[in-house]
Amino acid sequence: MKKIAKIFLLSVLSCTFLHADNYTFGDGLQLGNSPIIIGGYISSMYEANRHTRYVDIDDIAVLAYGEYDHFDFLAEFEAADIYKKEVGDRRDESSNATFHIERLFGDYYLNDDKRIRLGKFNSDIGFWNQMPINVLRDTTSSPHLVNDFFPKLSTGINYEVRQVSESINRVSLTLQNNHDLDIDYNNINVDRHYALACDIVDHESTWRFGGGYFRFEPAQEAMYLLGALKVEKKEGDVLLESILRQDVQREELSYDIYAQGVWHIITKHDAILRVEVEKAPLTQKHDGNMVVGYTYRPLSNIALKGEYEAHQESDLNRWLFSLSVLF
């Protein structure tokens, strides 16, 4: 019954969007004459590795966002692994209908170049961490750098200044001195996070540097430095990110670096290659992996992806296929 109820809810929401007079597929639904727009996204995935194969509706989210005068806001409520079923010998299945606060923040623009953000938001670290929604990313999987080395989300204040000088395009300062707004929905449970980021733009290239400190349970502290480069051209994109992390109590140094190339083969079709090397935090385990992927976007808000992820340890190798849609 729970599965039927969830499918019914999704069907109702889809029909509500698709039959609204003022709705354009992928652009959200504006509530009357108000500045509020309602949207959402869904992502389903099939994974096959050496031991298991399963189908997963891994992300369902509702978004509310808008802008008025000097103010912007965004609210995002997400349920992960809402339905998961193994399709191998075991055939186990599970469901989860709990929605969490992934992002909830408001912006105030002092002028065209200065902005203050208050609430829960994506930590301003690197490039990949600013793309939390599957349909917007090049691959279904994410580099370990994003998941293991720093808190993906921060609850606090972010101050951003653009066009600082001719060479510095942007500076961002994040201050968190409290627990997360939703402590169950972050990759690391932190109660302190201070970070600084800086962008340098040169024609088709953007350099991003940053560093920070965070405190996480139980009574652990870590510091990190990150450097990244993004190059965007007509024929394809290049993304490079590297991070160095020092865990204070353990006196252990860990690192991760990955390089990714995206080739725009023809319109709507991309080929992706990513190579990554990691010395994992806390476990100090070394690993290297390579991802070969293909993405087809029939529309800008729909993505069909397939990829193979090969690791040094063959038990970690896997196939991933996903369908993701932004409403």
Protein backbone atom coordinates (compact mmCIF):
# COMPACT_ATOMS: atom_id res chain seq x y z
CA MET A 1 0.00 0.00 0.00
CA LYS A 2 2.83 2.42 0.79
CA LYS A 3 4.31 1.93 -2.66
CA ILE A 4 0.94 2.50 -4.30
CA ALA A 5 0.38 5.67 -2.24
CA LYS A 6 3.76 7.07 -3.25
CA ILE A 7 3.23 6.33 -6.93
CA PHE A 8 -0.24 7.89 -6.72
CA LEU A 9 1.20 11.03 -5.09
CA LEU A 10 3.82 11.36 -7.82
CA SER A 11 1.18 10.94 -10.50
CA VAL A 12 -1.02 13.64 -8.95
CA LEU A 13 1.90 16.05 -8.66
CA SER A 14 2.94 15.39 -12.26
CA CYS A 15 -0.59 15.95 -13.58
CA THR A 16 -0.90 19.13 -11.51
CA PHE A 17 2.19 20.57 -13.18
CA LEU A 18 1.51 19.35 -16.69
CA HIS A 19 -2.09 20.61 -16.82
CA ALA A 20 -1.54 24.02 -15.22
CA ASP A 21 -2.17 26.85 -17.67
CA ASN A 22 0.86 28.90 -16.62
CA TYR A 23 3.31 26.00 -16.32
CA THR A 24 6.21 25.30 -18.65
CA PHE A 25 7.77 21.87 -18.19
CA GLY A 26 11.01 22.32 -16.24
CA ASP A 27 10.44 25.94 -15.22
CA GLY A 28 8.32 25.37 -12.11
CA LEU A 29 4.78 26.52 -11.39
CA GLN A 30 4.25 30.15 -10.34
CA LEU A 31 1.63 30.60 -7.63
CA GLY A 32 -0.76 33.18 -9.06
CA ASN A 33 0.77 36.64 -9.21
CA SER A 34 3.09 35.96 -6.28
CA PRO A 35 6.88 35.71 -6.68
CA ILE A 36 6.79 32.13 -5.39
CA ILE A 37 7.55 29.27 -7.79
CA ILE A 38 6.96 25.61 -6.94
CA GLY A 39 9.00 22.90 -8.60
CA GLY A 40 10.70 19.63 -7.87
CA TYR A 41 12.77 16.79 -9.24
CA ILE A 42 12.94 13.03 -9.23
CA SER A 43 15.77 10.62 -9.90
CA SER A 44 15.63 6.85 -10.41
CA MET A 45 18.67 4.61 -10.70
CA TYR A 46 19.71 1.07 -11.55
CA GLU A 47 23.01 -0.21 -10.12
CA ALA A 48 24.77 -3.49 -10.81
CA ASN A 49 27.96 -4.58 -9.07
CA ARG A 50 29.67 -7.87 -8.38
CA HIS A 51 27.33 -8.80 -5.52
CA THR A 52 23.99 -7.03 -6.02
CA ARG A 53 21.69 -5.44 -8.56
CA TYR A 54 18.98 -3.04 -7.51
CA VAL A 55 16.50 -0.44 -8.69
CA ASP A 56 16.27 2.73 -6.62
CA ILE A 57 14.04 5.80 -6.67
CA ASP A 58 16.85 7.60 -4.90
CA ASP A 59 15.72 11.25 -4.84
CA ILE A 60 12.36 12.97 -4.74
CA ALA A 61 12.30 16.64 -3.83
CA VAL A 62 9.91 19.57 -3.67
CA LEU A 63 11.28 23.06 -4.29
CA ALA A 64 9.90 26.49 -3.50
CA TYR A 65 11.86 29.53 -4.61
CA GLY A 66 11.49 33.09 -5.77
CA GLU A 67 12.77 36.65 -5.67
CA TYR A 68 11.36 39.99 -4.72
CA ASP A 69 13.16 43.32 -4.72
CA HIS A 70 16.49 42.69 -2.91
CA PHE A 71 15.45 39.26 -1.58
CA ASP A 72 15.75 35.68 -2.87
CA PHE A 73 14.80 32.46 -1.13
CA LEU A 74 14.91 28.71 -1.71
CA ALA A 75 13.34 25.83 0.22
CA GLU A 76 14.12 22.24 -0.74
CA PHE A 77 12.65 19.19 0.98
CA GLU A 78 13.98 15.84 -0.14
CA ALA A 79 13.40 12.13 0.50
CA ALA A 80 16.26 9.76 -0.37
CA ASP A 81 15.96 6.07 -1.26
CA ILE A 82 12.19 6.38 -1.28
CA TYR A 83 11.93 2.92 -2.85
CA LYS A 84 14.72 0.41 -3.34
CA LYS A 85 14.48 -3.18 -4.58
CA GLU A 86 17.19 -5.74 -5.19
CA VAL A 87 16.64 -7.65 -8.40
CA GLY A 88 19.28 -10.36 -7.87
CA ASP A 89 18.97 -13.56 -5.86
CA ARG A 90 17.90 -11.86 -2.60
CA ARG A 91 15.11 -9.63 -3.97
CA ASP A 92 14.93 -7.49 -0.83
CA GLU A 93 13.03 -4.22 -0.93
CA SER A 94 12.74 -1.19 1.33
CA SER A 95 11.07 2.20 1.34
CA ASN A 96 11.51 5.56 3.02
CA ALA A 97 8.93 8.36 2.92
CA THR A 98 10.74 10.74 5.30
CA PHE A 99 11.39 14.16 3.84
CA HIS A 100 14.34 16.17 5.16
CA ILE A 101 15.42 19.78 4.85
CA GLU A 102 18.19 19.73 2.29
CA ARG A 103 18.30 23.50 1.70
CA LEU A 104 16.41 26.36 3.29
CA PHE A 105 17.87 29.84 2.96
CA GLY A 106 17.20 33.44 2.15
CA ASP A 107 19.41 35.95 0.32
CA TYR A 108 19.60 39.69 0.69
CA TYR A 109 21.44 41.69 -1.97
CA LEU A 110 23.12 44.79 -0.62
CA ASN A 111 23.85 45.76 -4.23
CA ASP A 112 24.71 44.03 -7.53
CA ASP A 113 28.01 42.74 -6.14
CA LYS A 114 27.32 41.94 -2.47
CA ARG A 115 25.01 39.27 -1.07
CA ILE A 116 24.25 37.88 2.41
CA ARG A 117 22.78 34.36 2.72
CA LEU A 118 21.24 32.98 5.90
CA GLY A 119 20.02 29.40 6.47
CA LYS A 120 21.05 25.95 5.26
CA PHE A 121 22.83 25.88 1.90
CA ASN A 122 25.41 24.01 -0.14
CA SER A 123 28.86 24.67 1.27
CA ASP A 124 30.70 27.00 -1.08
CA ILE A 125 33.54 24.56 -1.74
CA GLY A 126 34.70 23.72 -5.24
CA PHE A 127 32.51 23.36 -8.33
CA TRP A 128 30.91 19.92 -8.03
CA ASN A 129 29.38 20.65 -4.62
CA GLN A 130 27.30 23.42 -6.18
CA MET A 131 25.48 20.83 -8.36
CA PRO A 132 23.44 18.75 -5.86
CA ILE A 133 20.64 17.78 -8.28
CA ASN A 134 21.29 14.71 -10.43
CA VAL A 135 19.76 16.10 -13.63
CA LEU A 136 22.21 19.04 -13.57
CA ARG A 137 25.35 16.91 -13.15
CA ASP A 138 27.34 15.23 -15.89
CA THR A 139 27.30 11.82 -14.14
CA THR A 140 25.01 10.06 -11.68
CA SER A 141 27.92 9.28 -9.35
CA SER A 142 29.96 11.95 -7.60
CA PRO A 143 33.70 12.04 -6.85
CA HIS A 144 34.67 10.84 -3.38
CA LEU A 145 36.12 14.30 -2.80
CA VAL A 146 32.59 15.69 -2.48
CA ASN A 147 31.20 13.01 -0.17
CA ASP A 148 34.07 12.29 2.21
CA PHE A 149 36.26 15.33 2.80
CA PHE A 150 34.10 18.26 3.95
CA PRO A 151 30.49 18.99 4.97
CA LYS A 152 28.40 19.26 1.80
CA LEU A 153 25.88 21.53 3.55
CA SER A 154 26.33 24.41 5.98
CA THR A 155 23.81 26.02 8.32
CA GLY A 156 24.84 29.58 9.04
CA ILE A 157 25.79 32.76 7.21
CA ASN A 158 27.46 33.22 3.84
CA TYR A 159 28.74 36.57 2.61
CA GLU A 160 29.68 36.91 -1.07
CA VAL A 161 31.38 39.75 -2.89
CA ARG A 162 31.74 39.79 -6.69
CA GLN A 163 34.15 41.77 -8.89
CA VAL A 164 36.53 42.33 -6.01
CA SER A 165 39.27 43.41 -8.39
CA GLU A 166 40.32 42.98 -12.03
CA SER A 167 41.82 39.56 -11.25
CA ILE A 168 39.56 38.31 -8.42
CA ASN A 169 36.02 37.67 -9.62
CA ARG A 170 34.46 36.51 -6.35
CA VAL A 171 35.16 36.01 -2.64
CA SER A 172 32.89 34.01 -0.34
CA LEU A 173 32.97 33.67 3.46
CA THR A 174 30.94 31.02 5.35
CA LEU A 175 30.39 31.01 9.11
CA GLN A 176 28.62 28.21 10.98
CA ASN A 177 28.72 28.18 14.78
CA ASN A 178 25.80 25.87 15.52
CA HIS A 179 24.32 22.46 14.68
CA ASP A 180 22.83 21.74 11.26
CA LEU A 181 19.24 22.76 10.64
CA ASP A 182 18.51 19.08 9.93
CA ILE A 183 21.26 17.06 11.60
CA ASP A 184 20.14 13.82 9.91
CA TYR A 185 20.65 15.21 6.41
CA ASN A 186 24.30 15.98 5.84
CA ASN A 187 27.24 13.79 4.98
CA ILE A 188 29.10 14.95 8.12
CA ASN A 189 27.40 15.97 11.39
CA VAL A 190 29.07 19.31 12.15
CA ASP A 191 28.49 22.05 14.70
CA ARG A 192 31.25 24.38 13.46
CA HIS A 193 32.26 25.23 9.91
CA TYR A 194 34.28 28.24 8.74
CA ALA A 195 35.26 28.49 5.09
CA LEU A 196 36.71 30.95 2.59
CA ALA A 197 36.54 30.68 -1.21
CA CYS A 198 37.99 32.78 -4.03
CA ASP A 199 37.43 32.75 -7.82
CA ILE A 200 39.82 33.96 -10.49
CA VAL A 201 38.34 34.08 -14.02
CA ASP A 202 40.48 34.13 -17.15
CA HIS A 203 38.50 33.98 -20.41
CA GLU A 204 37.21 30.37 -20.65
CA SER A 205 38.84 29.26 -17.39
CA THR A 206 37.77 29.70 -13.77
CA TRP A 207 40.17 28.96 -10.92
CA ARG A 208 38.63 28.35 -7.51
CA PHE A 209 40.63 28.22 -4.29
CA GLY A 210 39.38 27.71 -0.79
CA GLY A 211 39.96 26.37 2.65
CA GLY A 212 38.19 25.85 5.92
CA TYR A 213 37.83 24.27 9.33
CA PHE A 214 35.02 22.15 10.73
CA ARG A 215 34.23 20.31 13.96
CA PHE A 216 32.31 17.08 13.85
CA GLU A 217 31.15 14.43 16.28
CA PRO A 218 32.48 12.87 18.39
CA ALA A 219 34.72 15.86 19.25
CA GLN A 220 36.80 15.70 16.08
CA GLU A 221 38.27 18.60 14.10
CA ALA A 222 39.60 18.89 10.57
CA MET A 223 41.04 21.53 8.25
CA TYR A 224 41.16 21.46 4.45
CA LEU A 225 42.55 23.26 1.41
CA LEU A 226 41.00 22.97 -2.05
CA GLY A 227 42.03 24.04 -5.52
CA ALA A 228 39.92 23.65 -8.65
CA LEU A 229 39.87 24.56 -12.33
CA LYS A 230 36.95 24.63 -14.75
CA VAL A 231 37.36 25.17 -18.48
CA GLU A 232 34.27 25.50 -20.67
CA LYS A 233 34.51 25.42 -24.46
CA LYS A 234 32.13 24.78 -27.32
CA GLU A 235 33.47 21.28 -27.94
CA GLY A 236 33.62 20.23 -24.28
CA ASP A 237 34.46 20.97 -20.66
CA VAL A 238 37.30 20.11 -18.30
CA LEU A 239 36.94 19.98 -14.52
CA LEU A 240 39.80 19.43 -12.07
CA GLU A 241 39.51 19.48 -8.28
CA SER A 242 41.96 18.54 -5.53
CA ILE A 243 41.72 18.66 -1.74
CA LEU A 244 44.07 18.19 1.19
CA ARG A 245 42.58 17.44 4.62
CA GLN A 246 44.25 17.40 8.03
CA ASP A 247 42.43 15.64 10.89
CA VAL A 248 43.66 17.41 14.03
CA GLN A 249 43.20 14.75 16.74
CA ARG A 250 44.44 11.88 14.58
CA GLU A 251 47.24 13.96 13.03
CA GLU A 252 46.46 12.27 9.75
CA LEU A 253 46.70 13.82 6.30
CA SER A 254 44.37 12.71 3.51
CA TYR A 255 43.86 13.84 -0.07
CA ASP A 256 41.76 13.44 -3.19
CA ILE A 257 42.22 14.63 -6.75
CA TYR A 258 40.10 14.02 -9.83
CA ALA A 259 40.05 15.20 -13.42
CA GLN A 260 37.00 15.00 -15.66
CA GLY A 261 36.50 15.65 -19.34
CA VAL A 262 33.12 16.08 -21.04
CA TRP A 263 32.91 15.90 -24.83
CA HIS A 264 29.83 17.32 -26.56
CA ILE A 265 29.67 14.71 -29.30
CA ILE A 266 26.54 16.07 -30.95
CA THR A 267 23.67 18.17 -29.67
CA LYS A 268 22.18 16.63 -26.49
CA HIS A 269 24.80 13.84 -26.34
CA ASP A 270 27.88 13.92 -24.06
CA ALA A 271 30.69 11.45 -23.38
CA ILE A 272 32.43 11.67 -19.98
CA LEU A 273 35.71 10.39 -18.60
CA ARG A 274 36.74 10.90 -14.96
CA VAL A 275 39.86 9.68 -13.17
CA GLU A 276 40.26 9.98 -9.39
CA VAL A 277 42.89 9.11 -6.76
CA GLU A 278 42.09 9.18 -3.04
CA LYS A 279 43.61 8.59 0.38
CA ALA A 280 40.43 8.45 2.44
CA PRO A 281 39.97 10.44 5.66
CA LEU A 282 39.92 8.48 8.92
CA THR A 283 40.49 5.06 7.28
CA GLN A 284 43.55 6.24 5.30
CA LYS A 285 42.58 3.75 2.61
CA HIS A 286 44.07 4.32 -0.83
CA ASP A 287 41.86 3.95 -3.89
CA GLY A 288 41.84 4.92 -7.52
CA ASN A 289 38.89 4.82 -9.87
CA MET A 290 37.91 5.66 -13.41
CA VAL A 291 34.42 6.51 -14.65
CA VAL A 292 33.37 6.24 -18.30
CA GLY A 293 29.93 7.67 -18.94
CA TYR A 294 27.40 8.79 -21.50
CA THR A 295 24.60 11.33 -21.01
CA TYR A 296 21.66 12.07 -23.26
CA ARG A 297 19.44 15.09 -22.60
CA PRO A 298 16.31 15.03 -24.79
CA LEU A 299 15.32 18.25 -22.98
CA SER A 300 17.38 20.51 -20.77
CA ASN A 301 15.49 19.27 -17.69
CA ILE A 302 15.66 15.52 -18.47
CA ALA A 303 18.81 13.40 -18.33
CA LEU A 304 19.40 9.75 -19.23
CA LYS A 305 22.81 8.58 -17.99
CA GLY A 306 24.87 5.43 -18.14
CA GLU A 307 28.33 4.89 -16.67
CA TYR A 308 30.84 2.26 -15.62
CA GLU A 309 32.98 2.85 -12.55
CA ALA A 310 36.20 0.82 -12.30
CA HIS A 311 38.21 0.70 -9.04
CA GLN A 312 41.57 -0.69 -8.01
CA GLU A 313 39.59 -3.16 -5.91
CA SER A 314 37.39 -5.02 -8.38
CA ASP A 315 34.68 -5.62 -5.75
CA LEU A 316 33.84 -1.90 -5.96
CA ASN A 317 33.33 -1.90 -9.73
CA ARG A 318 29.76 -1.07 -10.79
CA TRP A 319 27.39 -0.07 -13.58
CA LEU A 320 25.04 2.87 -13.04
CA PHE A 321 22.05 3.95 -15.12
CA SER A 322 19.69 6.76 -14.18
CA LEU A 323 16.74 8.82 -15.33
CA SER A 324 16.32 12.21 -13.70
CA VAL A 325 13.73 14.93 -14.33
CA LEU A 326 13.41 18.51 -13.12
CA PHE A 327 9.83 19.82 -13.00
